PDB file of N, CA and C in Angstrom:
ATOM      1  N   UNK A   1      41.430 -52.622 -18.129  1.00  0.00           N
ATOM      2  CA  UNK A   1      40.909 -51.582 -17.139  1.00  0.00           C
ATOM      3  C   UNK A   1      40.091 -52.275 -16.132  1.00  0.00           C
ATOM      4  N   UNK A   2      40.357 -51.817 -14.785  1.00  0.00           N
ATOM      5  CA  UNK A   2      39.515 -52.475 -13.712  1.00  0.00           C
ATOM      6  C   UNK A   2      38.069 -51.814 -13.793  1.00  0.00           C
ATOM      7  N   UNK A   3      37.122 -52.600 -13.396  1.00  0.00           N
ATOM      8  CA  UNK A   3      35.796 -52.131 -13.065  1.00  0.00           C
ATOM      9  C   UNK A   3      35.766 -51.392 -11.839  1.00  0.00           C
ATOM     10  N   UNK A   4      34.721 -50.644 -11.458  1.00  0.00           N
ATOM     11  CA  UNK A   4      34.606 -49.895 -10.185  1.00  0.00           C
ATOM     12  C   UNK A   4      34.465 -51.059  -9.052  1.00  0.00           C
ATOM     13  N   UNK A   5      33.723 -52.020  -9.342  1.00  0.00           N
ATOM     14  CA  UNK A   5      33.582 -53.099  -8.374  1.00  0.00           C
ATOM     15  C   UNK A   5      34.888 -53.814  -8.083  1.00  0.00           C
ATOM     16  N   UNK A   6      35.665 -54.050  -9.072  1.00  0.00           N
ATOM     17  CA  UNK A   6      37.084 -54.602  -8.726  1.00  0.00           C
ATOM     18  C   UNK A   6      37.921 -53.693  -7.958  1.00  0.00           C
ATOM     19  N   UNK A   7      37.841 -52.349  -8.163  1.00  0.00           N
ATOM     20  CA  UNK A   7      38.437 -51.334  -7.330  1.00  0.00           C
ATOM     21  C   UNK A   7      37.970 -51.309  -5.983  1.00  0.00           C
ATOM     22  N   UNK A   8      36.705 -51.387  -5.784  1.00  0.00           N
ATOM     23  CA  UNK A   8      36.040 -51.367  -4.436  1.00  0.00           C
ATOM     24  C   UNK A   8      36.573 -52.602  -3.693  1.00  0.00           C
ATOM     25  N   UNK A   9      36.531 -53.633  -4.287  1.00  0.00           N
ATOM     26  CA  UNK A   9      37.099 -54.888  -3.632  1.00  0.00           C
ATOM     27  C   UNK A   9      38.410 -54.845  -3.332  1.00  0.00           C
ATOM     28  N   UNK A  10      39.284 -54.222  -4.048  1.00  0.00           N
ATOM     29  CA  UNK A  10      40.746 -54.080  -3.682  1.00  0.00           C
ATOM     30  C   UNK A  10      40.780 -53.113  -2.576  1.00  0.00           C
ATOM     31  N   UNK A  11      40.091 -52.058  -2.495  1.00  0.00           N
ATOM     32  CA  UNK A  11      40.053 -51.086  -1.430  1.00  0.00           C
ATOM     33  C   UNK A  11      39.676 -51.754  -0.092  1.00  0.00           C
ATOM     34  N   UNK A  12      38.632 -52.569  -0.167  1.00  0.00           N
ATOM     35  CA  UNK A  12      38.193 -53.379   1.025  1.00  0.00           C
ATOM     36  C   UNK A  12      39.294 -54.196   1.585  1.00  0.00           C
ATOM     37  N   UNK A  13      40.015 -54.989   0.619  1.00  0.00           N
ATOM     38  CA  UNK A  13      41.007 -55.823   0.979  1.00  0.00           C
ATOM     39  C   UNK A  13      42.212 -55.040   1.544  1.00  0.00           C
ATOM     40  N   UNK A  14      42.502 -53.806   0.899  1.00  0.00           N
ATOM     41  CA  UNK A  14      43.495 -52.969   1.497  1.00  0.00           C
ATOM     42  C   UNK A  14      43.236 -52.610   2.951  1.00  0.00           C
ATOM     43  N   UNK A  15      41.886 -52.284   3.150  1.00  0.00           N
ATOM     44  CA  UNK A  15      41.536 -51.866   4.570  1.00  0.00           C
ATOM     45  C   UNK A  15      41.777 -53.013   5.556  1.00  0.00           C
ATOM     46  N   UNK A  16      41.367 -54.203   5.070  1.00  0.00           N
ATOM     47  CA  UNK A  16      41.547 -55.526   5.886  1.00  0.00           C
ATOM     48  C   UNK A  16      43.037 -55.722   6.153  1.00  0.00           C
ATOM     49  N   UNK A  17      43.937 -55.541   5.067  1.00  0.00           N
ATOM     50  CA  UNK A  17      45.240 -55.789   5.174  1.00  0.00           C
ATOM     51  C   UNK A  17      45.836 -54.769   6.169  1.00  0.00           C
ATOM     52  N   UNK A  18      45.376 -53.616   6.200  1.00  0.00           N
ATOM     53  CA  UNK A  18      45.786 -52.582   7.104  1.00  0.00           C
ATOM     54  C   UNK A  18      45.269 -52.789   8.517  1.00  0.00           C
ATOM     55  N   UNK A  19      44.721 -53.844   8.970  1.00  0.00           N
ATOM     56  CA  UNK A  19      44.198 -54.156  10.169  1.00  0.00           C
ATOM     57  C   UNK A  19      42.922 -53.358  10.461  1.00  0.00           C
ATOM     58  N   UNK A  20      42.208 -52.906   9.399  1.00  0.00           N
ATOM     59  CA  UNK A  20      40.790 -52.402   9.776  1.00  0.00           C
ATOM     60  C   UNK A  20      39.952 -53.693  10.213  1.00  0.00           C
ATOM     61  N   UNK A  21      39.210 -53.422  11.166  1.00  0.00           N
ATOM     62  CA  UNK A  21      38.325 -54.440  11.857  1.00  0.00           C
ATOM     63  C   UNK A  21      36.959 -54.589  11.036  1.00  0.00           C
ATOM     64  N   UNK A  22      36.380 -55.706  11.029  1.00  0.00           N
ATOM     65  CA  UNK A  22      34.997 -55.994  10.437  1.00  0.00           C
ATOM     66  C   UNK A  22      34.811 -55.116   9.243  1.00  0.00           C
ATOM     67  N   UNK A  23      35.523 -55.358   8.204  1.00  0.00           N
ATOM     68  CA  UNK A  23      35.529 -54.661   6.871  1.00  0.00           C
ATOM     69  C   UNK A  23      34.332 -55.159   6.103  1.00  0.00           C
ATOM     70  N   UNK A  24      33.488 -54.246   5.681  1.00  0.00           N
ATOM     71  CA  UNK A  24      32.360 -54.691   4.936  1.00  0.00           C
ATOM     72  C   UNK A  24      32.324 -53.885   3.574  1.00  0.00           C
ATOM     73  N   UNK A  25      32.112 -54.586   2.456  1.00  0.00           N
ATOM     74  CA  UNK A  25      32.024 -53.998   1.121  1.00  0.00           C
ATOM     75  C   UNK A  25      30.404 -54.050   0.755  1.00  0.00           C
ATOM     76  N   UNK A  26      29.738 -52.902   0.520  1.00  0.00           N
ATOM     77  CA  UNK A  26      28.327 -52.841   0.433  1.00  0.00           C
ATOM     78  C   UNK A  26      28.121 -52.199  -0.963  1.00  0.00           C
ATOM     79  N   UNK A  27      27.359 -53.024  -1.838  1.00  0.00           N
ATOM     80  CA  UNK A  27      26.932 -52.438  -3.101  1.00  0.00           C
ATOM     81  C   UNK A  27      25.636 -51.583  -2.834  1.00  0.00           C
ATOM     82  N   UNK A  28      25.715 -50.436  -3.041  1.00  0.00           N
ATOM     83  CA  UNK A  28      24.558 -49.312  -2.823  1.00  0.00           C
ATOM     84  C   UNK A  28      24.186 -48.765  -4.199  1.00  0.00           C
ATOM     85  N   UNK A  29      24.718 -49.296  -5.344  1.00  0.00           N
ATOM     86  CA  UNK A  29      24.421 -48.670  -6.714  1.00  0.00           C
ATOM     87  C   UNK A  29      23.050 -48.449  -7.084  1.00  0.00           C
ATOM     88  N   UNK A  30      22.112 -49.348  -6.715  1.00  0.00           N
ATOM     89  CA  UNK A  30      20.734 -49.059  -7.049  1.00  0.00           C
ATOM     90  C   UNK A  30      19.895 -48.259  -6.070  1.00  0.00           C
ATOM     91  N   UNK A  31      20.653 -47.764  -4.963  1.00  0.00           N
ATOM     92  CA  UNK A  31      19.888 -47.111  -3.991  1.00  0.00           C
ATOM     93  C   UNK A  31      20.052 -45.569  -3.841  1.00  0.00           C
ATOM     94  N   UNK A  32      21.169 -45.048  -4.603  1.00  0.00           N
ATOM     95  CA  UNK A  32      21.290 -43.692  -4.548  1.00  0.00           C
ATOM     96  C   UNK A  32      21.876 -43.223  -5.993  1.00  0.00           C
ATOM     97  N   UNK A  33      22.115 -42.002  -6.183  1.00  0.00           N
ATOM     98  CA  UNK A  33      22.608 -41.436  -7.410  1.00  0.00           C
ATOM     99  C   UNK A  33      24.176 -40.938  -7.259  1.00  0.00           C
ATOM    100  N   UNK A  34      24.559 -40.962  -6.072  1.00  0.00           N
ATOM    101  CA  UNK A  34      25.984 -40.336  -5.829  1.00  0.00           C
ATOM    102  C   UNK A  34      27.173 -41.239  -5.606  1.00  0.00           C
ATOM    103  N   UNK A  35      26.922 -42.669  -5.343  1.00  0.00           N
ATOM    104  CA  UNK A  35      28.036 -43.498  -5.219  1.00  0.00           C
ATOM    105  C   UNK A  35      27.601 -45.005  -5.512  1.00  0.00           C
ATOM    106  N   UNK A  36      28.451 -45.919  -5.688  1.00  0.00           N
ATOM    107  CA  UNK A  36      28.046 -47.304  -5.990  1.00  0.00           C
ATOM    108  C   UNK A  36      28.422 -48.233  -4.889  1.00  0.00           C
ATOM    109  N   UNK A  37      29.501 -48.011  -4.095  1.00  0.00           N
ATOM    110  CA  UNK A  37      29.939 -48.871  -3.176  1.00  0.00           C
ATOM    111  C   UNK A  37      30.367 -48.071  -1.800  1.00  0.00           C
ATOM    112  N   UNK A  38      30.122 -48.739  -0.741  1.00  0.00           N
ATOM    113  CA  UNK A  38      30.555 -48.366   0.617  1.00  0.00           C
ATOM    114  C   UNK A  38      31.573 -49.341   0.950  1.00  0.00           C
ATOM    115  N   UNK A  39      32.702 -48.851   1.488  1.00  0.00           N
ATOM    116  CA  UNK A  39      33.668 -49.749   2.207  1.00  0.00           C
ATOM    117  C   UNK A  39      33.683 -49.273   3.579  1.00  0.00           C
ATOM    118  N   UNK A  40      33.185 -50.120   4.551  1.00  0.00           N
ATOM    119  CA  UNK A  40      33.010 -49.805   6.033  1.00  0.00           C
ATOM    120  C   UNK A  40      34.090 -50.617   6.743  1.00  0.00           C
ATOM    121  N   UNK A  41      34.815 -49.850   7.618  1.00  0.00           N
ATOM    122  CA  UNK A  41      35.720 -50.538   8.555  1.00  0.00           C
ATOM    123  C   UNK A  41      35.851 -49.848   9.808  1.00  0.00           C
ATOM    124  N   UNK A  42      36.260 -50.584  10.893  1.00  0.00           N
ATOM    125  CA  UNK A  42      36.399 -50.097  12.197  1.00  0.00           C
ATOM    126  C   UNK A  42      37.869 -49.826  12.517  1.00  0.00           C
ATOM    127  N   UNK A  43      38.145 -48.671  13.056  1.00  0.00           N
ATOM    128  CA  UNK A  43      39.641 -48.303  13.284  1.00  0.00           C
ATOM    129  C   UNK A  43      39.830 -48.110  14.827  1.00  0.00           C
ATOM    130  N   UNK A  44      41.061 -48.240  15.206  1.00  0.00           N
ATOM    131  CA  UNK A  44      41.224 -48.237  16.704  1.00  0.00           C
ATOM    132  C   UNK A  44      41.691 -46.816  17.197  1.00  0.00           C
ATOM    133  N   UNK A  45      42.152 -45.941  16.321  1.00  0.00           N
ATOM    134  CA  UNK A  45      42.686 -44.602  16.680  1.00  0.00           C
ATOM    135  C   UNK A  45      42.756 -43.707  15.526  1.00  0.00           C
ATOM    136  N   UNK A  46      43.218 -42.480  15.833  1.00  0.00           N
ATOM    137  CA  UNK A  46      43.446 -41.491  14.767  1.00  0.00           C
ATOM    138  C   UNK A  46      44.672 -41.971  13.983  1.00  0.00           C
ATOM    139  N   UNK A  47      45.738 -42.500  14.682  1.00  0.00           N
ATOM    140  CA  UNK A  47      46.846 -42.968  13.966  1.00  0.00           C
ATOM    141  C   UNK A  47      46.647 -44.125  13.069  1.00  0.00           C
ATOM    142  N   UNK A  48      45.754 -44.894  13.499  1.00  0.00           N
ATOM    143  CA  UNK A  48      45.306 -46.200  12.569  1.00  0.00           C
ATOM    144  C   UNK A  48      44.550 -45.533  11.432  1.00  0.00           C
ATOM    145  N   UNK A  49      43.692 -44.590  11.621  1.00  0.00           N
ATOM    146  CA  UNK A  49      42.964 -44.015  10.488  1.00  0.00           C
ATOM    147  C   UNK A  49      44.002 -43.289   9.570  1.00  0.00           C
ATOM    148  N   UNK A  50      44.862 -42.611  10.101  1.00  0.00           N
ATOM    149  CA  UNK A  50      45.876 -41.917   9.257  1.00  0.00           C
ATOM    150  C   UNK A  50      46.686 -42.956   8.340  1.00  0.00           C
ATOM    151  N   UNK A  51      47.037 -43.969   8.830  1.00  0.00           N
ATOM    152  CA  UNK A  51      47.623 -45.140   8.111  1.00  0.00           C
ATOM    153  C   UNK A  51      46.877 -45.618   7.044  1.00  0.00           C
ATOM    154  N   UNK A  52      45.580 -45.968   7.328  1.00  0.00           N
ATOM    155  CA  UNK A  52      44.674 -46.436   6.279  1.00  0.00           C
ATOM    156  C   UNK A  52      44.401 -45.290   5.252  1.00  0.00           C
ATOM    157  N   UNK A  53      44.359 -44.144   5.593  1.00  0.00           N
ATOM    158  CA  UNK A  53      44.237 -43.091   4.697  1.00  0.00           C
ATOM    159  C   UNK A  53      45.337 -42.950   3.726  1.00  0.00           C
ATOM    160  N   UNK A  54      46.590 -43.124   4.140  1.00  0.00           N
ATOM    161  CA  UNK A  54      47.776 -43.076   3.501  1.00  0.00           C
ATOM    162  C   UNK A  54      47.713 -44.235   2.393  1.00  0.00           C
ATOM    163  N   UNK A  55      47.247 -45.299   2.790  1.00  0.00           N
ATOM    164  CA  UNK A  55      47.114 -46.576   1.897  1.00  0.00           C
ATOM    165  C   UNK A  55      46.135 -46.257   0.720  1.00  0.00           C
ATOM    166  N   UNK A  56      45.110 -45.573   1.102  1.00  0.00           N
ATOM    167  CA  UNK A  56      44.080 -45.306   0.057  1.00  0.00           C
ATOM    168  C   UNK A  56      44.669 -44.185  -0.889  1.00  0.00           C
ATOM    169  N   UNK A  57      45.360 -43.283  -0.313  1.00  0.00           N
ATOM    170  CA  UNK A  57      46.065 -42.304  -1.206  1.00  0.00           C
ATOM    171  C   UNK A  57      47.108 -42.946  -2.128  1.00  0.00           C
ATOM    172  N   UNK A  58      47.748 -43.838  -1.651  1.00  0.00           N
ATOM    173  CA  UNK A  58      48.793 -44.505  -2.426  1.00  0.00           C
ATOM    174  C   UNK A  58      47.978 -45.363  -3.612  1.00  0.00           C
ATOM    175  N   UNK A  59      46.922 -46.013  -3.224  1.00  0.00           N
ATOM    176  CA  UNK A  59      46.127 -46.809  -4.085  1.00  0.00           C
ATOM    177  C   UNK A  59      45.578 -46.071  -5.247  1.00  0.00           C
ATOM    178  N   UNK A  60      45.042 -44.873  -5.071  1.00  0.00           N
ATOM    179  CA  UNK A  60      44.270 -44.094  -5.976  1.00  0.00           C
ATOM    180  C   UNK A  60      45.203 -43.660  -7.018  1.00  0.00           C
ATOM    181  N   UNK A  61      46.511 -43.339  -6.761  1.00  0.00           N
ATOM    182  CA  UNK A  61      47.435 -42.815  -7.718  1.00  0.00           C
ATOM    183  C   UNK A  61      47.352 -43.609  -9.109  1.00  0.00           C
ATOM    184  N   UNK A  62      47.465 -44.952  -8.966  1.00  0.00           N
ATOM    185  CA  UNK A  62      47.569 -45.930 -10.050  1.00  0.00           C
ATOM    186  C   UNK A  62      46.223 -46.517 -10.445  1.00  0.00           C
ATOM    187  N   UNK A  63      45.080 -46.032 -10.043  1.00  0.00           N
ATOM    188  CA  UNK A  63      43.736 -46.674 -10.261  1.00  0.00           C
ATOM    189  C   UNK A  63      42.657 -45.691 -10.683  1.00  0.00           C
ATOM    190  N   UNK A  64      42.966 -44.639 -11.293  1.00  0.00           N
ATOM    191  CA  UNK A  64      42.048 -43.727 -11.809  1.00  0.00           C
ATOM    192  C   UNK A  64      40.900 -43.331 -10.843  1.00  0.00           C
ATOM    193  N   UNK A  65      41.225 -43.088  -9.709  1.00  0.00           N
ATOM    194  CA  UNK A  65      40.374 -42.553  -8.647  1.00  0.00           C
ATOM    195  C   UNK A  65      40.883 -41.348  -8.141  1.00  0.00           C
ATOM    196  N   UNK A  66      40.138 -40.520  -7.536  1.00  0.00           N
ATOM    197  CA  UNK A  66      40.458 -39.221  -6.784  1.00  0.00           C
ATOM    198  C   UNK A  66      39.715 -39.109  -5.506  1.00  0.00           C
ATOM    199  N   UNK A  67      40.367 -38.382  -4.656  1.00  0.00           N
ATOM    200  CA  UNK A  67      39.494 -38.077  -3.457  1.00  0.00           C
ATOM    201  C   UNK A  67      38.737 -36.698  -3.685  1.00  0.00           C
ATOM    202  N   UNK A  68      37.470 -36.913  -3.587  1.00  0.00           N
ATOM    203  CA  UNK A  68      36.560 -35.810  -3.717  1.00  0.00           C
ATOM    204  C   UNK A  68      36.212 -34.973  -2.396  1.00  0.00           C
ATOM    205  N   UNK A  69      36.410 -35.689  -1.369  1.00  0.00           N
ATOM    206  CA  UNK A  69      36.040 -35.139  -0.010  1.00  0.00           C
ATOM    207  C   UNK A  69      36.535 -36.036   1.034  1.00  0.00           C
ATOM    208  N   UNK A  70      37.199 -35.491   2.043  1.00  0.00           N
ATOM    209  CA  UNK A  70      37.379 -36.214   3.234  1.00  0.00           C
ATOM    210  C   UNK A  70      36.724 -35.420   4.354  1.00  0.00           C
ATOM    211  N   UNK A  71      35.883 -36.082   5.229  1.00  0.00           N
ATOM    212  CA  UNK A  71      35.035 -35.460   6.144  1.00  0.00           C
ATOM    213  C   UNK A  71      35.234 -36.151   7.437  1.00  0.00           C
ATOM    214  N   UNK A  72      35.546 -35.374   8.519  1.00  0.00           N
ATOM    215  CA  UNK A  72      35.419 -35.950   9.796  1.00  0.00           C
ATOM    216  C   UNK A  72      34.179 -35.642  10.562  1.00  0.00           C
ATOM    217  N   UNK A  73      33.519 -36.534  11.059  1.00  0.00           N
ATOM    218  CA  UNK A  73      32.228 -36.424  11.628  1.00  0.00           C
ATOM    219  C   UNK A  73      32.371 -36.089  13.222  1.00  0.00           C
ATOM    220  N   UNK A  74      33.543 -35.823  13.720  1.00  0.00           N
ATOM    221  CA  UNK A  74      33.672 -35.306  14.986  1.00  0.00           C
ATOM    222  C   UNK A  74      34.866 -34.469  15.084  1.00  0.00           C
ATOM    223  N   UNK A  75      34.977 -33.579  16.135  1.00  0.00           N
ATOM    224  CA  UNK A  75      36.098 -32.557  16.132  1.00  0.00           C
ATOM    225  C   UNK A  75      37.484 -33.107  16.167  1.00  0.00           C
ATOM    226  N   UNK A  76      37.587 -34.298  16.936  1.00  0.00           N
ATOM    227  CA  UNK A  76      38.838 -34.776  16.998  1.00  0.00           C
ATOM    228  C   UNK A  76      39.270 -35.756  15.931  1.00  0.00           C
ATOM    229  N   UNK A  77      38.245 -36.131  15.109  1.00  0.00           N
ATOM    230  CA  UNK A  77      38.492 -36.921  13.966  1.00  0.00           C
ATOM    231  C   UNK A  77      38.575 -38.430  14.262  1.00  0.00           C
ATOM    232  N   UNK A  78      38.313 -38.888  15.469  1.00  0.00           N
ATOM    233  CA  UNK A  78      38.460 -40.229  15.813  1.00  0.00           C
ATOM    234  C   UNK A  78      37.224 -41.145  15.652  1.00  0.00           C
ATOM    235  N   UNK A  79      35.968 -40.475  15.581  1.00  0.00           N
ATOM    236  CA  UNK A  79      34.836 -41.293  15.548  1.00  0.00           C
ATOM    237  C   UNK A  79      34.445 -41.751  14.101  1.00  0.00           C
ATOM    238  N   UNK A  80      34.379 -41.003  13.174  1.00  0.00           N
ATOM    239  CA  UNK A  80      33.955 -41.247  11.718  1.00  0.00           C
ATOM    240  C   UNK A  80      34.650 -40.429  10.772  1.00  0.00           C
ATOM    241  N   UNK A  81      35.327 -41.084   9.904  1.00  0.00           N
ATOM    242  CA  UNK A  81      36.084 -40.385   8.825  1.00  0.00           C
ATOM    243  C   UNK A  81      35.589 -40.870   7.482  1.00  0.00           C
ATOM    244  N   UNK A  82      35.095 -40.125   6.673  1.00  0.00           N
ATOM    245  CA  UNK A  82      34.529 -40.490   5.431  1.00  0.00           C
ATOM    246  C   UNK A  82      35.368 -39.934   4.328  1.00  0.00           C
ATOM    247  N   UNK A  83      35.676 -40.918   3.403  1.00  0.00           N
ATOM    248  CA  UNK A  83      36.616 -40.442   2.262  1.00  0.00           C
ATOM    249  C   UNK A  83      35.894 -40.885   0.995  1.00  0.00           C
ATOM    250  N   UNK A  84      35.401 -39.916   0.338  1.00  0.00           N
ATOM    251  CA  UNK A  84      34.696 -39.909  -0.861  1.00  0.00           C
ATOM    252  C   UNK A  84      35.543 -39.998  -2.134  1.00  0.00           C
ATOM    253  N   UNK A  85      35.593 -41.164  -2.744  1.00  0.00           N
ATOM    254  CA  UNK A  85      36.282 -41.410  -4.109  1.00  0.00           C
ATOM    255  C   UNK A  85      35.405 -41.308  -5.288  1.00  0.00           C
ATOM    256  N   UNK A  86      34.270 -40.860  -5.107  1.00  0.00           N
ATOM    257  CA  UNK A  86      33.327 -40.844  -6.183  1.00  0.00           C
ATOM    258  C   UNK A  86      32.481 -42.150  -6.246  1.00  0.00           C
ATOM    259  N   UNK A  87      32.821 -43.098  -6.958  1.00  0.00           N
ATOM    260  CA  UNK A  87      32.019 -44.438  -7.055  1.00  0.00           C
ATOM    261  C   UNK A  87      32.274 -45.303  -5.782  1.00  0.00           C
ATOM    262  N   UNK A  88      33.128 -44.992  -4.961  1.00  0.00           N
ATOM    263  CA  UNK A  88      33.454 -45.732  -3.770  1.00  0.00           C
ATOM    264  C   UNK A  88      33.524 -44.687  -2.645  1.00  0.00           C
ATOM    265  N   UNK A  89      32.842 -44.810  -1.594  1.00  0.00           N
ATOM    266  CA  UNK A  89      32.938 -44.196  -0.365  1.00  0.00           C
ATOM    267  C   UNK A  89      33.468 -44.941   0.869  1.00  0.00           C
ATOM    268  N   UNK A  90      34.545 -44.572   1.419  1.00  0.00           N
ATOM    269  CA  UNK A  90      35.198 -45.331   2.452  1.00  0.00           C
ATOM    270  C   UNK A  90      34.725 -44.662   3.786  1.00  0.00           C
ATOM    271  N   UNK A  91      34.257 -45.479   4.681  1.00  0.00           N
ATOM    272  CA  UNK A  91      33.894 -44.987   6.057  1.00  0.00           C
ATOM    273  C   UNK A  91      34.818 -45.725   7.133  1.00  0.00           C
ATOM    274  N   UNK A  92      35.633 -44.914   7.693  1.00  0.00           N
ATOM    275  CA  UNK A  92      36.465 -45.454   8.710  1.00  0.00           C
ATOM    276  C   UNK A  92      36.039 -44.976  10.021  1.00  0.00           C
ATOM    277  N   UNK A  93      35.358 -45.865  10.857  1.00  0.00           N
ATOM    278  CA  UNK A  93      34.736 -45.601  12.024  1.00  0.00           C
ATOM    279  C   UNK A  93      35.309 -46.107  13.385  1.00  0.00           C
ATOM    280  N   UNK A  94      35.097 -45.490  14.496  1.00  0.00           N
ATOM    281  CA  UNK A  94      35.296 -45.971  15.789  1.00  0.00           C
ATOM    282  C   UNK A  94      34.376 -47.181  16.116  1.00  0.00           C
ATOM    283  N   UNK A  95      34.794 -47.986  17.070  1.00  0.00           N
ATOM    284  CA  UNK A  95      33.684 -49.013  17.389  1.00  0.00           C
ATOM    285  C   UNK A  95      32.397 -48.423  17.777  1.00  0.00           C
ATOM    286  N   UNK A  96      32.448 -47.379  18.682  1.00  0.00           N
ATOM    287  CA  UNK A  96      31.225 -46.769  19.282  1.00  0.00           C
ATOM    288  C   UNK A  96      30.389 -46.130  18.106  1.00  0.00           C
ATOM    289  N   UNK A  97      31.169 -45.453  17.126  1.00  0.00           N
ATOM    290  CA  UNK A  97      30.435 -44.853  16.035  1.00  0.00           C
ATOM    291  C   UNK A  97      29.691 -45.887  15.206  1.00  0.00           C
ATOM    292  N   UNK A  98      30.428 -46.968  14.905  1.00  0.00           N
ATOM    293  CA  UNK A  98      29.987 -48.060  13.985  1.00  0.00           C
ATOM    294  C   UNK A  98      28.684 -48.591  14.505  1.00  0.00           C
ATOM    295  N   UNK A  99      28.837 -48.781  15.875  1.00  0.00           N
ATOM    296  CA  UNK A  99      27.571 -49.337  16.446  1.00  0.00           C
ATOM    297  C   UNK A  99      26.416 -48.343  16.496  1.00  0.00           C
ATOM    298  N   UNK A 100      26.589 -47.068  16.713  1.00  0.00           N
ATOM    299  CA  UNK A 100      25.631 -46.028  16.810  1.00  0.00           C
ATOM    300  C   UNK A 100      24.886 -45.849  15.470  1.00  0.00           C
ATOM    301  N   UNK A 101      25.736 -45.664  14.465  1.00  0.00           N
ATOM    302  CA  UNK A 101      25.216 -45.280  13.186  1.00  0.00           C
ATOM    303  C   UNK A 101      24.748 -46.496  12.402  1.00  0.00           C
ATOM    304  N   UNK A 102      25.377 -47.665  12.557  1.00  0.00           N
ATOM    305  CA  UNK A 102      24.888 -49.020  11.937  1.00  0.00           C
ATOM    306  C   UNK A 102      24.580 -48.953  10.533  1.00  0.00           C
ATOM    307  N   UNK A 103      25.601 -48.441   9.663  1.00  0.00           N
ATOM    308  CA  UNK A 103      25.247 -48.240   8.307  1.00  0.00           C
ATOM    309  C   UNK A 103      24.935 -49.386   7.629  1.00  0.00           C
ATOM    310  N   UNK A 104      25.281 -50.621   8.046  1.00  0.00           N
ATOM    311  CA  UNK A 104      24.921 -51.924   7.321  1.00  0.00           C
ATOM    312  C   UNK A 104      23.444 -52.003   7.442  1.00  0.00           C
ATOM    313  N   UNK A 105      22.803 -51.628   8.642  1.00  0.00           N
ATOM    314  CA  UNK A 105      21.410 -51.676   8.965  1.00  0.00           C
ATOM    315  C   UNK A 105      20.614 -50.574   8.084  1.00  0.00           C
ATOM    316  N   UNK A 106      21.239 -49.350   8.245  1.00  0.00           N
ATOM    317  CA  UNK A 106      20.571 -48.274   7.489  1.00  0.00           C
ATOM    318  C   UNK A 106      20.553 -48.421   5.984  1.00  0.00           C
ATOM    319  N   UNK A 107      21.480 -49.084   5.482  1.00  0.00           N
ATOM    320  CA  UNK A 107      21.624 -49.494   3.973  1.00  0.00           C
ATOM    321  C   UNK A 107      21.270 -50.985   3.771  1.00  0.00           C
ATOM    322  N   UNK A 108      20.347 -51.405   4.487  1.00  0.00           N
ATOM    323  CA  UNK A 108      20.019 -52.814   4.485  1.00  0.00           C
ATOM    324  C   UNK A 108      19.648 -53.354   3.067  1.00  0.00           C
ATOM    325  N   UNK A 109      19.266 -52.480   2.266  1.00  0.00           N
ATOM    326  CA  UNK A 109      18.691 -52.899   0.981  1.00  0.00           C
ATOM    327  C   UNK A 109      19.959 -53.124  -0.034  1.00  0.00           C
ATOM    328  N   UNK A 110      21.174 -52.703   0.458  1.00  0.00           N
ATOM    329  CA  UNK A 110      22.328 -52.967  -0.315  1.00  0.00           C
ATOM    330  C   UNK A 110      22.884 -54.317  -0.249  1.00  0.00           C
ATOM    331  N   UNK A 111      23.745 -54.661  -1.052  1.00  0.00           N
ATOM    332  CA  UNK A 111      24.128 -56.256  -1.105  1.00  0.00           C
ATOM    333  C   UNK A 111      25.612 -56.254  -0.551  1.00  0.00           C
ATOM    334  N   UNK A 112      25.752 -56.982   0.402  1.00  0.00           N
ATOM    335  CA  UNK A 112      27.127 -57.240   0.938  1.00  0.00           C
ATOM    336  C   UNK A 112      27.913 -58.086  -0.034  1.00  0.00           C
ATOM    337  N   UNK A 113      29.118 -57.707  -0.531  1.00  0.00           N
ATOM    338  CA  UNK A 113      29.819 -58.451  -1.435  1.00  0.00           C
ATOM    339  C   UNK A 113      31.033 -58.967  -0.755  1.00  0.00           C
ATOM    340  N   UNK A 114      31.413 -60.188  -1.243  1.00  0.00           N
ATOM    341  CA  UNK A 114      32.780 -60.834  -0.852  1.00  0.00           C
ATOM    342  C   UNK A 114      33.777 -60.118  -1.609  1.00  0.00           C
ATOM    343  N   UNK A 115      35.033 -60.048  -1.005  1.00  0.00           N
ATOM    344  CA  UNK A 115      36.142 -59.356  -1.619  1.00  0.00           C
ATOM    345  C   UNK A 115      37.386 -60.276  -1.413  1.00  0.00           C
TER     346      UNK A 115
END
């Protein structure tokens, strides 16, 4: 059985393979009580987001994860889409939202992992 870290690494790789830009896997396990890993990726459009979301849905079917919440941080859904898988939270963000919120800087105490 895969560890949560292995699953997070596979999700990060999946986002990269789906042409997500600047994919970062961040270990935040010691910094909060609600998740262990962030996968952060920049997307180009709502269509791009939908494609990556479908890949996540396909991945979780066979990997003992479930979507707890999908949240759009803007009315049109293009700026920031959060997909809560419990121990892994995926952030799919536009370039402007990624620069504005700068999650890597906000969560700077987390450790960036190779995948």
